[in-house]
Amino acid sequence: MKRTSTGKGAARQLRRSNHIPAVLYGKGVDPEILKLNTKDLDTTFRKHGRARLFFNLTIEGENTSRKAFLKELQVDTVTGKFSHMDLYHISMDQTLRLMIPVVTKGLSKGVEMGGLIQIVRRELEVICLPHDIPEKIEIDVTDLDIGESIHVSEISLPEGIKIPYDVDFTVITVVQSKAYETEETEEDAEEEEGAESTPTESIEKE
């Protein structure tokens, strides 16, 4: 439903009536301010989750529905209730640019040897059609050893998905554990001290 009033006071009134303010915008369309029913949203999120979520918006007074993508959902940190939503108007035949979370798959052999895995980029930008939007970018790290890295150019992607980049940046790497380095240094120091304190034998000629 469209709304005509804006501002903090109007937003508070909406929330008291089980609605939240929302904005619908997109390429080639004028932004529109809406109000959405929080009970309907809660039911939708419980059923479908929030990842890769599309809405068929039926706006009061219009005969046709609009396809929109959930761009951002703001939640009150104190009450946990929805406070604002951004919706992006889309066409199913036009590509989108959006950020997708990176997750690892498997246990790195470098980690098994005492290393630590570091996810340098926890999200990556992708370009794809709406129906191809992935929930996550899964990267297999099983063969990754200490000191080795996976760069963006090495990531295998499903058909129809592209990661734009100008520089072949690091996404995941395995580094030496500081605790392991400290332990190794202490052992080396003990060996050196032991070598220094060992008495040398001399053979005198008669």
N, C-alpha and C. Protein backbone atom coordinates (compact mmCIF):
# COMPACT_ATOMS: atom_id res chain seq x y z
N MET A 1 0.84 -1.18 0.00
CA MET A 1 0.00 0.00 0.00
C MET A 1 0.88 1.25 0.00
N LYS A 2 0.49 2.25 -0.79
CA LYS A 2 1.26 3.48 -0.82
C LYS A 2 1.01 4.28 0.44
N ARG A 3 2.01 5.08 0.82
CA ARG A 3 1.83 5.97 1.96
C ARG A 3 2.13 7.40 1.50
N THR A 4 1.51 8.33 2.20
CA THR A 4 1.65 9.73 1.81
C THR A 4 2.48 10.53 2.81
N SER A 5 2.62 10.03 4.02
CA SER A 5 3.34 10.76 5.05
C SER A 5 4.72 10.15 5.28
N THR A 6 5.69 10.99 5.60
CA THR A 6 7.05 10.54 5.87
C THR A 6 7.53 11.15 7.18
N GLY A 7 8.73 10.76 7.60
CA GLY A 7 9.29 11.28 8.84
C GLY A 7 9.22 10.29 9.97
N LYS A 8 9.92 10.59 11.07
CA LYS A 8 9.99 9.68 12.21
C LYS A 8 8.65 9.48 12.88
N GLY A 9 7.88 10.56 12.99
CA GLY A 9 6.58 10.45 13.64
C GLY A 9 5.64 9.56 12.86
N ALA A 10 5.62 9.73 11.55
CA ALA A 10 4.75 8.90 10.71
C ALA A 10 5.20 7.44 10.75
N ALA A 11 6.52 7.21 10.80
CA ALA A 11 7.05 5.84 10.87
C ALA A 11 6.64 5.17 12.17
N ARG A 12 6.69 5.91 13.27
CA ARG A 12 6.28 5.33 14.57
C ARG A 12 4.80 4.95 14.55
N GLN A 13 3.97 5.80 13.95
CA GLN A 13 2.55 5.49 13.86
C GLN A 13 2.31 4.23 13.04
N LEU A 14 3.07 4.08 11.95
CA LEU A 14 2.95 2.88 11.13
C LEU A 14 3.27 1.63 11.94
N ARG A 15 4.37 1.69 12.69
CA ARG A 15 4.80 0.51 13.46
C ARG A 15 3.79 0.16 14.54
N ARG A 16 3.16 1.17 15.12
CA ARG A 16 2.14 0.89 16.14
C ARG A 16 0.92 0.20 15.53
N SER A 17 0.72 0.37 14.23
CA SER A 17 -0.43 -0.26 13.56
C SER A 17 -0.01 -1.52 12.81
N ASN A 18 1.12 -2.12 13.23
CA ASN A 18 1.64 -3.36 12.63
C ASN A 18 1.99 -3.20 11.14
N HIS A 19 2.58 -2.05 10.82
CA HIS A 19 3.10 -1.79 9.48
C HIS A 19 4.51 -1.21 9.61
N ILE A 20 5.26 -1.29 8.55
CA ILE A 20 6.57 -0.63 8.52
C ILE A 20 6.70 0.17 7.22
N PRO A 21 7.48 1.26 7.26
CA PRO A 21 7.72 2.01 6.02
C PRO A 21 8.65 1.24 5.10
N ALA A 22 8.44 1.41 3.81
CA ALA A 22 9.29 0.74 2.81
C ALA A 22 9.47 1.66 1.62
N VAL A 23 10.54 1.41 0.89
CA VAL A 23 10.81 2.17 -0.34
C VAL A 23 11.01 1.18 -1.47
N LEU A 24 10.34 1.43 -2.57
CA LEU A 24 10.51 0.63 -3.78
C LEU A 24 11.21 1.49 -4.82
N TYR A 25 12.36 1.03 -5.29
CA TYR A 25 13.10 1.78 -6.29
C TYR A 25 13.77 0.81 -7.24
N GLY A 26 14.36 1.35 -8.30
CA GLY A 26 15.02 0.49 -9.27
C GLY A 26 15.40 1.27 -10.50
N LYS A 27 16.11 0.59 -11.39
CA LYS A 27 16.58 1.22 -12.61
C LYS A 27 15.41 1.59 -13.51
N GLY A 28 15.36 2.86 -13.88
CA GLY A 28 14.34 3.32 -14.81
C GLY A 28 12.96 3.54 -14.22
N VAL A 29 12.83 3.47 -12.86
CA VAL A 29 11.53 3.71 -12.23
C VAL A 29 11.70 4.76 -11.14
N ASP A 30 10.65 5.51 -10.89
CA ASP A 30 10.68 6.51 -9.83
C ASP A 30 10.46 5.82 -8.48
N PRO A 31 11.22 6.24 -7.45
CA PRO A 31 11.04 5.64 -6.12
C PRO A 31 9.62 5.88 -5.60
N GLU A 32 9.10 4.87 -4.91
CA GLU A 32 7.78 4.99 -4.30
C GLU A 32 7.86 4.61 -2.84
N ILE A 33 7.15 5.36 -2.00
CA ILE A 33 7.13 5.05 -0.57
C ILE A 33 5.87 4.23 -0.28
N LEU A 34 6.09 3.13 0.45
CA LEU A 34 5.01 2.18 0.72
C LEU A 34 4.93 1.88 2.21
N LYS A 35 3.86 1.21 2.58
CA LYS A 35 3.78 0.64 3.92
C LYS A 35 3.41 -0.83 3.78
N LEU A 36 4.09 -1.67 4.57
CA LEU A 36 3.90 -3.12 4.47
C LEU A 36 3.43 -3.68 5.81
N ASN A 37 2.59 -4.67 5.73
CA ASN A 37 2.05 -5.31 6.93
C ASN A 37 3.10 -6.24 7.55
N THR A 38 3.48 -6.00 8.80
CA THR A 38 4.54 -6.78 9.44
C THR A 38 4.12 -8.22 9.69
N LYS A 39 2.85 -8.47 9.92
CA LYS A 39 2.40 -9.85 10.14
C LYS A 39 2.55 -10.67 8.85
N ASP A 40 2.21 -10.05 7.73
CA ASP A 40 2.37 -10.73 6.44
C ASP A 40 3.85 -11.00 6.16
N LEU A 41 4.71 -10.02 6.48
CA LEU A 41 6.14 -10.19 6.27
C LEU A 41 6.70 -11.31 7.13
N ASP A 42 6.29 -11.33 8.38
CA ASP A 42 6.78 -12.37 9.30
C ASP A 42 6.39 -13.76 8.81
N THR A 43 5.18 -13.90 8.31
CA THR A 43 4.72 -15.18 7.77
C THR A 43 5.55 -15.58 6.55
N THR A 44 5.83 -14.61 5.68
CA THR A 44 6.63 -14.87 4.48
C THR A 44 8.05 -15.29 4.83
N PHE A 45 8.67 -14.59 5.78
CA PHE A 45 10.04 -14.90 6.17
C PHE A 45 10.15 -16.26 6.85
N ARG A 46 9.15 -16.60 7.65
CA ARG A 46 9.17 -17.90 8.32
C ARG A 46 9.05 -19.04 7.30
N LYS A 47 8.31 -18.79 6.23
CA LYS A 47 8.07 -19.82 5.24
C LYS A 47 9.21 -19.93 4.23
N HIS A 48 9.76 -18.79 3.82
CA HIS A 48 10.73 -18.79 2.72
C HIS A 48 12.13 -18.32 3.13
N GLY A 49 12.30 -17.79 4.33
CA GLY A 49 13.58 -17.20 4.70
C GLY A 49 13.74 -15.84 4.05
N ARG A 50 14.96 -15.27 4.16
CA ARG A 50 15.18 -13.92 3.62
C ARG A 50 16.15 -13.91 2.44
N ALA A 51 16.87 -15.01 2.26
CA ALA A 51 17.86 -15.06 1.18
C ALA A 51 17.16 -15.28 -0.17
N ARG A 52 17.62 -14.56 -1.18
CA ARG A 52 17.10 -14.69 -2.55
C ARG A 52 15.59 -14.53 -2.58
N LEU A 53 15.08 -13.61 -1.78
CA LEU A 53 13.63 -13.48 -1.65
C LEU A 53 13.08 -12.44 -2.63
N PHE A 54 12.09 -12.87 -3.41
CA PHE A 54 11.41 -11.99 -4.35
C PHE A 54 9.97 -11.79 -3.89
N PHE A 55 9.47 -10.61 -4.17
CA PHE A 55 8.09 -10.30 -3.83
C PHE A 55 7.31 -9.99 -5.10
N ASN A 56 6.08 -10.47 -5.14
CA ASN A 56 5.12 -10.00 -6.13
C ASN A 56 4.25 -8.96 -5.43
N LEU A 57 4.58 -7.70 -5.62
CA LEU A 57 3.89 -6.64 -4.92
C LEU A 57 2.61 -6.25 -5.65
N THR A 58 1.52 -6.30 -4.92
CA THR A 58 0.26 -5.79 -5.45
C THR A 58 -0.06 -4.51 -4.69
N ILE A 59 0.10 -3.40 -5.38
CA ILE A 59 -0.09 -2.10 -4.74
C ILE A 59 -1.54 -1.66 -4.93
N GLU A 60 -2.12 -1.17 -3.85
CA GLU A 60 -3.52 -0.76 -3.87
C GLU A 60 -3.76 0.28 -4.98
N GLY A 61 -4.80 0.02 -5.78
CA GLY A 61 -5.13 0.94 -6.86
C GLY A 61 -4.51 0.56 -8.19
N GLU A 62 -3.65 -0.48 -8.20
CA GLU A 62 -3.02 -0.92 -9.44
C GLU A 62 -3.54 -2.32 -9.80
N ASN A 63 -3.68 -2.57 -11.08
CA ASN A 63 -4.22 -3.85 -11.54
C ASN A 63 -3.14 -4.92 -11.70
N THR A 64 -1.90 -4.50 -11.87
CA THR A 64 -0.82 -5.46 -12.09
C THR A 64 0.13 -5.48 -10.90
N SER A 65 0.77 -6.63 -10.69
CA SER A 65 1.75 -6.75 -9.61
C SER A 65 3.14 -6.41 -10.11
N ARG A 66 4.02 -6.10 -9.19
CA ARG A 66 5.39 -5.77 -9.53
C ARG A 66 6.35 -6.77 -8.88
N LYS A 67 7.37 -7.12 -9.61
CA LYS A 67 8.38 -8.04 -9.08
C LYS A 67 9.47 -7.21 -8.40
N ALA A 68 9.76 -7.55 -7.15
CA ALA A 68 10.76 -6.80 -6.39
C ALA A 68 11.65 -7.75 -5.62
N PHE A 69 12.89 -7.31 -5.41
CA PHE A 69 13.89 -8.09 -4.69
C PHE A 69 14.15 -7.42 -3.35
N LEU A 70 14.26 -8.23 -2.28
CA LEU A 70 14.56 -7.69 -0.96
C LEU A 70 16.00 -7.20 -0.93
N LYS A 71 16.16 -5.90 -0.91
CA LYS A 71 17.49 -5.29 -0.94
C LYS A 71 18.05 -5.14 0.47
N GLU A 72 17.23 -4.64 1.38
CA GLU A 72 17.69 -4.44 2.76
C GLU A 72 16.51 -4.45 3.71
N LEU A 73 16.71 -5.11 4.84
CA LEU A 73 15.69 -5.14 5.89
C LEU A 73 16.34 -4.66 7.19
N GLN A 74 15.82 -3.58 7.73
CA GLN A 74 16.34 -3.05 8.98
C GLN A 74 15.51 -3.57 10.15
N VAL A 75 16.22 -4.00 11.19
CA VAL A 75 15.56 -4.57 12.37
C VAL A 75 15.99 -3.78 13.60
N ASP A 76 15.04 -3.45 14.45
CA ASP A 76 15.34 -2.73 15.69
C ASP A 76 16.21 -3.61 16.59
N THR A 77 17.38 -3.10 16.99
CA THR A 77 18.31 -3.91 17.78
C THR A 77 17.80 -4.19 19.19
N VAL A 78 16.86 -3.38 19.68
CA VAL A 78 16.34 -3.56 21.04
C VAL A 78 15.14 -4.50 21.04
N THR A 79 14.16 -4.22 20.19
CA THR A 79 12.92 -5.00 20.18
C THR A 79 12.98 -6.21 19.25
N GLY A 80 13.89 -6.17 18.26
CA GLY A 80 13.96 -7.26 17.29
C GLY A 80 12.88 -7.19 16.22
N LYS A 81 12.12 -6.10 16.21
CA LYS A 81 11.04 -5.95 15.24
C LYS A 81 11.55 -5.26 13.97
N PHE A 82 10.85 -5.53 12.86
CA PHE A 82 11.20 -4.88 11.59
C PHE A 82 10.96 -3.38 11.71
N SER A 83 11.86 -2.59 11.12
CA SER A 83 11.70 -1.14 11.20
C SER A 83 11.64 -0.46 9.83
N HIS A 84 12.27 -1.05 8.81
CA HIS A 84 12.24 -0.43 7.48
C HIS A 84 12.71 -1.46 6.45
N MET A 85 12.19 -1.31 5.23
CA MET A 85 12.58 -2.25 4.18
C MET A 85 12.84 -1.50 2.88
N ASP A 86 13.92 -1.93 2.19
CA ASP A 86 14.21 -1.43 0.84
C ASP A 86 13.93 -2.55 -0.15
N LEU A 87 13.13 -2.24 -1.14
CA LEU A 87 12.80 -3.20 -2.19
C LEU A 87 13.29 -2.67 -3.53
N TYR A 88 13.87 -3.57 -4.32
CA TYR A 88 14.43 -3.16 -5.61
C TYR A 88 13.57 -3.74 -6.73
N HIS A 89 13.01 -2.84 -7.52
CA HIS A 89 12.15 -3.27 -8.64
C HIS A 89 13.01 -3.92 -9.73
N ILE A 90 12.60 -5.08 -10.18
CA ILE A 90 13.42 -5.81 -11.16
C ILE A 90 12.58 -6.32 -12.32
N SER A 91 13.30 -6.58 -13.41
CA SER A 91 12.75 -7.32 -14.54
C SER A 91 13.50 -8.64 -14.59
N MET A 92 12.82 -9.73 -14.79
CA MET A 92 13.45 -11.05 -14.74
C MET A 92 14.45 -11.28 -15.86
N ASP A 93 14.43 -10.42 -16.89
CA ASP A 93 15.38 -10.59 -17.99
C ASP A 93 16.53 -9.59 -17.93
N GLN A 94 16.66 -8.86 -16.81
CA GLN A 94 17.75 -7.91 -16.65
C GLN A 94 18.67 -8.35 -15.51
N THR A 95 19.99 -8.22 -15.74
CA THR A 95 20.95 -8.67 -14.73
C THR A 95 20.99 -7.71 -13.55
N LEU A 96 21.40 -8.26 -12.40
CA LEU A 96 21.55 -7.50 -11.16
C LEU A 96 22.99 -7.58 -10.68
N ARG A 97 23.40 -6.59 -9.93
CA ARG A 97 24.68 -6.62 -9.20
C ARG A 97 24.35 -6.64 -7.71
N LEU A 98 24.83 -7.64 -7.02
CA LEU A 98 24.57 -7.72 -5.59
C LEU A 98 25.67 -8.52 -4.89
N MET A 99 25.75 -8.33 -3.57
CA MET A 99 26.78 -8.98 -2.77
C MET A 99 26.27 -10.31 -2.24
N ILE A 100 27.11 -11.35 -2.36
CA ILE A 100 26.76 -12.70 -1.92
C ILE A 100 27.80 -13.18 -0.91
N PRO A 101 27.38 -13.79 0.21
CA PRO A 101 28.34 -14.25 1.22
C PRO A 101 29.21 -15.41 0.74
N VAL A 102 30.45 -15.44 1.24
CA VAL A 102 31.40 -16.50 0.93
C VAL A 102 31.44 -17.49 2.08
N VAL A 103 31.36 -18.78 1.77
CA VAL A 103 31.48 -19.82 2.79
C VAL A 103 32.49 -20.87 2.32
N THR A 104 33.15 -21.52 3.26
CA THR A 104 34.14 -22.54 2.90
C THR A 104 33.54 -23.93 2.99
N LYS A 105 34.12 -24.85 2.21
CA LYS A 105 33.69 -26.24 2.21
C LYS A 105 34.91 -27.13 2.43
N GLY A 106 34.79 -28.08 3.34
CA GLY A 106 35.89 -29.01 3.61
C GLY A 106 36.84 -28.49 4.67
N LEU A 107 37.75 -29.39 5.10
CA LEU A 107 38.77 -29.05 6.08
C LEU A 107 40.11 -28.91 5.39
N SER A 108 40.67 -27.75 5.46
CA SER A 108 41.95 -27.47 4.80
C SER A 108 43.06 -28.31 5.42
N LYS A 109 43.93 -28.87 4.58
CA LYS A 109 45.07 -29.64 5.11
C LYS A 109 46.04 -28.73 5.86
N GLY A 110 46.05 -27.45 5.50
CA GLY A 110 46.87 -26.50 6.24
C GLY A 110 46.37 -26.30 7.66
N VAL A 111 45.06 -26.31 7.83
CA VAL A 111 44.46 -26.20 9.17
C VAL A 111 44.78 -27.46 9.98
N GLU A 112 44.74 -28.61 9.32
CA GLU A 112 45.08 -29.87 10.00
C GLU A 112 46.53 -29.87 10.49
N MET A 113 47.39 -29.09 9.82
CA MET A 113 48.79 -28.99 10.19
C MET A 113 49.05 -27.87 11.19
N GLY A 114 47.97 -27.25 11.68
CA GLY A 114 48.12 -26.21 12.71
C GLY A 114 47.94 -24.80 12.21
N GLY A 115 47.58 -24.62 10.93
CA GLY A 115 47.38 -23.29 10.39
C GLY A 115 45.99 -22.75 10.69
N LEU A 116 45.79 -21.50 10.32
CA LEU A 116 44.50 -20.84 10.51
C LEU A 116 43.99 -20.37 9.15
N ILE A 117 42.71 -20.64 8.89
CA ILE A 117 42.12 -20.20 7.63
C ILE A 117 41.57 -18.79 7.81
N GLN A 118 41.83 -17.92 6.85
CA GLN A 118 41.35 -16.56 6.88
C GLN A 118 40.52 -16.28 5.63
N ILE A 119 39.27 -15.83 5.86
CA ILE A 119 38.42 -15.41 4.74
C ILE A 119 38.64 -13.92 4.56
N VAL A 120 39.39 -13.56 3.56
CA VAL A 120 39.75 -12.17 3.33
C VAL A 120 38.55 -11.37 2.82
N ARG A 121 37.78 -11.97 1.94
CA ARG A 121 36.56 -11.34 1.42
C ARG A 121 35.36 -12.19 1.84
N ARG A 122 34.57 -11.68 2.76
CA ARG A 122 33.42 -12.44 3.26
C ARG A 122 32.20 -12.30 2.36
N GLU A 123 32.24 -11.34 1.44
CA GLU A 123 31.20 -11.18 0.44
C GLU A 123 31.85 -10.86 -0.91
N LEU A 124 31.22 -11.31 -1.97
CA LEU A 124 31.71 -11.01 -3.31
C LEU A 124 30.55 -10.48 -4.15
N GLU A 125 30.85 -9.51 -4.98
CA GLU A 125 29.84 -8.97 -5.88
C GLU A 125 29.66 -9.91 -7.07
N VAL A 126 28.42 -10.17 -7.43
CA VAL A 126 28.14 -11.01 -8.59
C VAL A 126 27.20 -10.27 -9.53
N ILE A 127 27.24 -10.68 -10.78
CA ILE A 127 26.31 -10.18 -11.80
C ILE A 127 25.56 -11.39 -12.34
N CYS A 128 24.24 -11.34 -12.29
CA CYS A 128 23.45 -12.46 -12.78
C CYS A 128 22.00 -12.04 -12.95
N LEU A 129 21.23 -12.89 -13.58
CA LEU A 129 19.80 -12.68 -13.70
C LEU A 129 19.13 -13.01 -12.36
N PRO A 130 17.97 -12.44 -12.09
CA PRO A 130 17.30 -12.67 -10.80
C PRO A 130 17.10 -14.14 -10.44
N HIS A 131 16.74 -14.96 -11.42
CA HIS A 131 16.47 -16.37 -11.10
C HIS A 131 17.76 -17.18 -10.88
N ASP A 132 18.93 -16.57 -11.16
CA ASP A 132 20.21 -17.26 -10.94
C ASP A 132 20.93 -16.81 -9.67
N ILE A 133 20.33 -15.93 -8.90
CA ILE A 133 21.01 -15.39 -7.71
C ILE A 133 21.33 -16.53 -6.74
N PRO A 134 22.62 -16.71 -6.40
CA PRO A 134 22.98 -17.79 -5.46
C PRO A 134 22.78 -17.36 -4.02
N GLU A 135 22.49 -18.31 -3.17
CA GLU A 135 22.34 -18.02 -1.74
C GLU A 135 23.71 -17.76 -1.11
N LYS A 136 24.75 -18.41 -1.66
CA LYS A 136 26.10 -18.27 -1.14
C LYS A 136 27.10 -18.67 -2.22
N ILE A 137 28.35 -18.28 -2.03
CA ILE A 137 29.44 -18.73 -2.89
C ILE A 137 30.27 -19.71 -2.07
N GLU A 138 30.20 -20.98 -2.41
CA GLU A 138 30.88 -22.04 -1.65
C GLU A 138 32.23 -22.35 -2.29
N ILE A 139 33.28 -22.31 -1.48
CA ILE A 139 34.64 -22.53 -1.98
C ILE A 139 35.27 -23.72 -1.26
N ASP A 140 35.73 -24.71 -2.01
CA ASP A 140 36.36 -25.90 -1.45
C ASP A 140 37.81 -25.56 -1.07
N VAL A 141 38.13 -25.74 0.22
CA VAL A 141 39.48 -25.39 0.71
C VAL A 141 40.27 -26.64 1.12
N THR A 142 39.79 -27.81 0.77
CA THR A 142 40.40 -29.06 1.22
C THR A 142 41.89 -29.14 0.90
N ASP A 143 42.30 -28.72 -0.28
CA ASP A 143 43.70 -28.85 -0.71
C ASP A 143 44.56 -27.64 -0.35
N LEU A 144 44.00 -26.71 0.38
CA LEU A 144 44.73 -25.48 0.68
C LEU A 144 45.70 -25.71 1.84
N ASP A 145 47.00 -25.49 1.58
CA ASP A 145 48.05 -25.70 2.58
C ASP A 145 48.44 -24.37 3.21
N ILE A 146 49.26 -24.44 4.26
CA ILE A 146 49.74 -23.24 4.92
C ILE A 146 50.54 -22.39 3.93
N GLY A 147 50.21 -21.11 3.88
CA GLY A 147 50.89 -20.20 2.97
C GLY A 147 50.25 -20.11 1.60
N GLU A 148 49.22 -20.92 1.34
CA GLU A 148 48.55 -20.91 0.04
C GLU A 148 47.26 -20.09 0.10
N SER A 149 46.82 -19.63 -1.06
CA SER A 149 45.63 -18.79 -1.13
C SER A 149 44.76 -19.19 -2.31
N ILE A 150 43.52 -18.77 -2.25
CA ILE A 150 42.60 -18.90 -3.37
C ILE A 150 42.24 -17.50 -3.83
N HIS A 151 42.45 -17.24 -5.12
CA HIS A 151 42.16 -15.93 -5.69
C HIS A 151 40.82 -15.96 -6.41
N VAL A 152 40.29 -14.79 -6.67
CA VAL A 152 38.96 -14.70 -7.26
C VAL A 152 38.88 -15.40 -8.61
N SER A 153 39.98 -15.38 -9.37
CA SER A 153 39.97 -16.01 -10.69
C SER A 153 39.89 -17.54 -10.61
N GLU A 154 40.15 -18.11 -9.44
CA GLU A 154 40.16 -19.57 -9.29
C GLU A 154 38.82 -20.12 -8.80
N ILE A 155 37.86 -19.26 -8.56
CA ILE A 155 36.58 -19.69 -8.02
C ILE A 155 35.69 -20.23 -9.14
N SER A 156 35.18 -21.43 -8.94
CA SER A 156 34.25 -22.03 -9.91
C SER A 156 32.84 -21.55 -9.60
N LEU A 157 32.15 -21.04 -10.60
CA LEU A 157 30.82 -20.48 -10.42
C LEU A 157 29.80 -21.22 -11.28
N PRO A 158 28.57 -21.30 -10.82
CA PRO A 158 27.52 -21.90 -11.65
C PRO A 158 27.31 -21.08 -12.93
N GLU A 159 26.76 -21.72 -13.91
CA GLU A 159 26.52 -21.05 -15.19
C GLU A 159 25.56 -19.87 -15.00
N GLY A 160 25.89 -18.77 -15.64
CA GLY A 160 25.02 -17.60 -15.56
C GLY A 160 25.43 -16.60 -14.50
N ILE A 161 26.48 -16.94 -13.71
CA ILE A 161 26.93 -16.04 -12.64
C ILE A 161 28.35 -15.58 -12.93
N LYS A 162 28.59 -14.30 -12.79
CA LYS A 162 29.90 -13.71 -13.07
C LYS A 162 30.32 -12.82 -11.91
N ILE A 163 31.62 -12.89 -11.55
CA ILE A 163 32.19 -11.99 -10.56
C ILE A 163 33.04 -10.95 -11.29
N PRO A 164 32.66 -9.68 -11.24
CA PRO A 164 33.46 -8.65 -11.92
C PRO A 164 34.69 -8.28 -11.09
N TYR A 165 35.85 -8.22 -11.71
CA TYR A 165 37.06 -7.80 -10.99
C TYR A 165 38.11 -7.33 -11.98
N ASP A 166 38.88 -6.35 -11.55
CA ASP A 166 39.99 -5.83 -12.34
C ASP A 166 41.32 -6.38 -11.87
N VAL A 167 41.40 -6.67 -10.56
CA VAL A 167 42.61 -7.21 -9.95
C VAL A 167 42.29 -8.60 -9.40
N ASP A 168 43.21 -9.54 -9.59
CA ASP A 168 42.99 -10.92 -9.13
C ASP A 168 43.28 -11.01 -7.63
N PHE A 169 42.33 -10.51 -6.84
CA PHE A 169 42.55 -10.40 -5.39
C PHE A 169 42.36 -11.73 -4.66
N THR A 170 42.93 -11.79 -3.45
CA THR A 170 42.84 -12.99 -2.60
C THR A 170 41.48 -13.02 -1.90
N VAL A 171 40.88 -14.20 -1.90
CA VAL A 171 39.59 -14.38 -1.22
C VAL A 171 39.78 -15.16 0.08
N ILE A 172 40.58 -16.24 0.03
CA ILE A 172 40.82 -17.09 1.20
C ILE A 172 42.29 -17.45 1.25
N THR A 173 42.85 -17.50 2.45
CA THR A 173 44.24 -17.93 2.62
C THR A 173 44.38 -18.70 3.92
N VAL A 174 45.46 -19.50 4.01
CA VAL A 174 45.77 -20.22 5.25
C VAL A 174 47.11 -19.70 5.75
N VAL A 175 47.13 -19.25 7.00
CA VAL A 175 48.34 -18.68 7.58
C VAL A 175 48.81 -19.54 8.74
N GLN A 176 50.07 -19.34 9.10
CA GLN A 176 50.64 -20.07 10.24
C GLN A 176 50.02 -19.57 11.54
N SER A 177 49.69 -20.49 12.42
CA SER A 177 49.13 -20.13 13.71
C SER A 177 50.18 -19.45 14.57
N LYS A 178 49.84 -18.33 15.22
CA LYS A 178 50.79 -17.64 16.09
C LYS A 178 51.18 -18.51 17.27
N ALA A 179 50.23 -19.28 17.77
CA ALA A 179 50.52 -20.17 18.89
C ALA A 179 51.55 -21.21 18.48
N TYR A 180 51.43 -21.70 17.24
CA TYR A 180 52.37 -22.69 16.73
C TYR A 180 53.75 -22.07 16.56
N GLU A 181 53.76 -20.83 16.06
CA GLU A 181 55.03 -20.14 15.86
C GLU A 181 55.73 -19.90 17.19
N THR A 182 54.95 -19.51 18.22
CA THR A 182 55.51 -19.25 19.55
C THR A 182 56.08 -20.52 20.14
N GLU A 183 55.32 -21.61 20.02
CA GLU A 183 55.78 -22.89 20.56
C GLU A 183 57.07 -23.33 19.88
N GLU A 184 57.11 -23.16 18.55
CA GLU A 184 58.28 -23.55 17.79
C GLU A 184 59.49 -22.72 18.19
N THR A 185 59.29 -21.43 18.42
CA THR A 185 60.38 -20.53 18.82
C THR A 185 60.92 -20.91 20.19
N GLU A 186 60.03 -21.24 21.11
CA GLU A 186 60.46 -21.64 22.46
C GLU A 186 61.26 -22.93 22.42
N GLU A 187 60.86 -23.86 21.58
CA GLU A 187 61.60 -25.12 21.47
C GLU A 187 62.99 -24.87 20.89
N ASP A 188 63.05 -23.99 19.89
CA ASP A 188 64.34 -23.65 19.30
C ASP A 188 65.26 -23.01 20.33
N ALA A 189 64.67 -22.12 21.17
CA ALA A 189 65.47 -21.43 22.17
C ALA A 189 66.01 -22.42 23.20
N GLU A 190 65.18 -23.39 23.59
CA GLU A 190 65.61 -24.40 24.56
C GLU A 190 66.75 -25.24 23.99
N GLU A 191 66.63 -25.58 22.69
CA GLU A 191 67.70 -26.37 22.06
C GLU A 191 69.00 -25.59 22.02
N GLU A 192 68.90 -24.28 21.74
CA GLU A 192 70.10 -23.46 21.68
C GLU A 192 70.75 -23.33 23.05
N GLU A 193 69.90 -23.14 24.10
CA GLU A 193 70.43 -23.03 25.46
C GLU A 193 71.10 -24.33 25.88
N GLY A 194 70.46 -25.45 25.49
CA GLY A 194 71.03 -26.75 25.83
C GLY A 194 72.38 -26.95 25.16
N ALA A 195 72.46 -26.49 23.91
CA ALA A 195 73.73 -26.64 23.19
C ALA A 195 74.83 -25.80 23.81
N GLU A 196 74.47 -24.60 24.32
CA GLU A 196 75.47 -23.72 24.91
C GLU A 196 75.94 -24.24 26.25
N SER A 197 75.08 -24.90 26.99
CA SER A 197 75.45 -25.35 28.35
C SER A 197 76.13 -26.71 28.37
N THR A 198 76.17 -27.40 27.23
CA THR A 198 76.80 -28.72 27.19
C THR A 198 78.32 -28.56 27.26
N PRO A 199 78.97 -29.18 28.26
CA PRO A 199 80.43 -29.03 28.40
C PRO A 199 81.16 -29.71 27.26
N THR A 200 82.24 -29.12 26.84
CA THR A 200 83.05 -29.70 25.77
C THR A 200 84.15 -30.53 26.39
N GLU A 201 84.45 -31.63 25.76
CA GLU A 201 85.49 -32.51 26.24
C GLU A 201 86.79 -32.18 25.52
N SER A 202 87.91 -32.23 26.27
CA SER A 202 89.22 -32.00 25.66
C SER A 202 90.09 -33.22 25.88
N ILE A 203 90.86 -33.51 24.91
CA ILE A 203 91.78 -34.66 25.01
C ILE A 203 93.17 -34.12 25.05
N GLU A 204 93.82 -34.40 26.17
CA GLU A 204 95.22 -33.98 26.31
C GLU A 204 96.15 -35.04 25.87
N LYS A 205 97.16 -34.64 25.13
CA LYS A 205 98.17 -35.60 24.72
C LYS A 205 99.21 -35.74 25.79
N GLU A 206 99.58 -36.92 26.04
CA GLU A 206 100.63 -37.15 27.03
C GLU A 206 101.97 -36.93 26.41
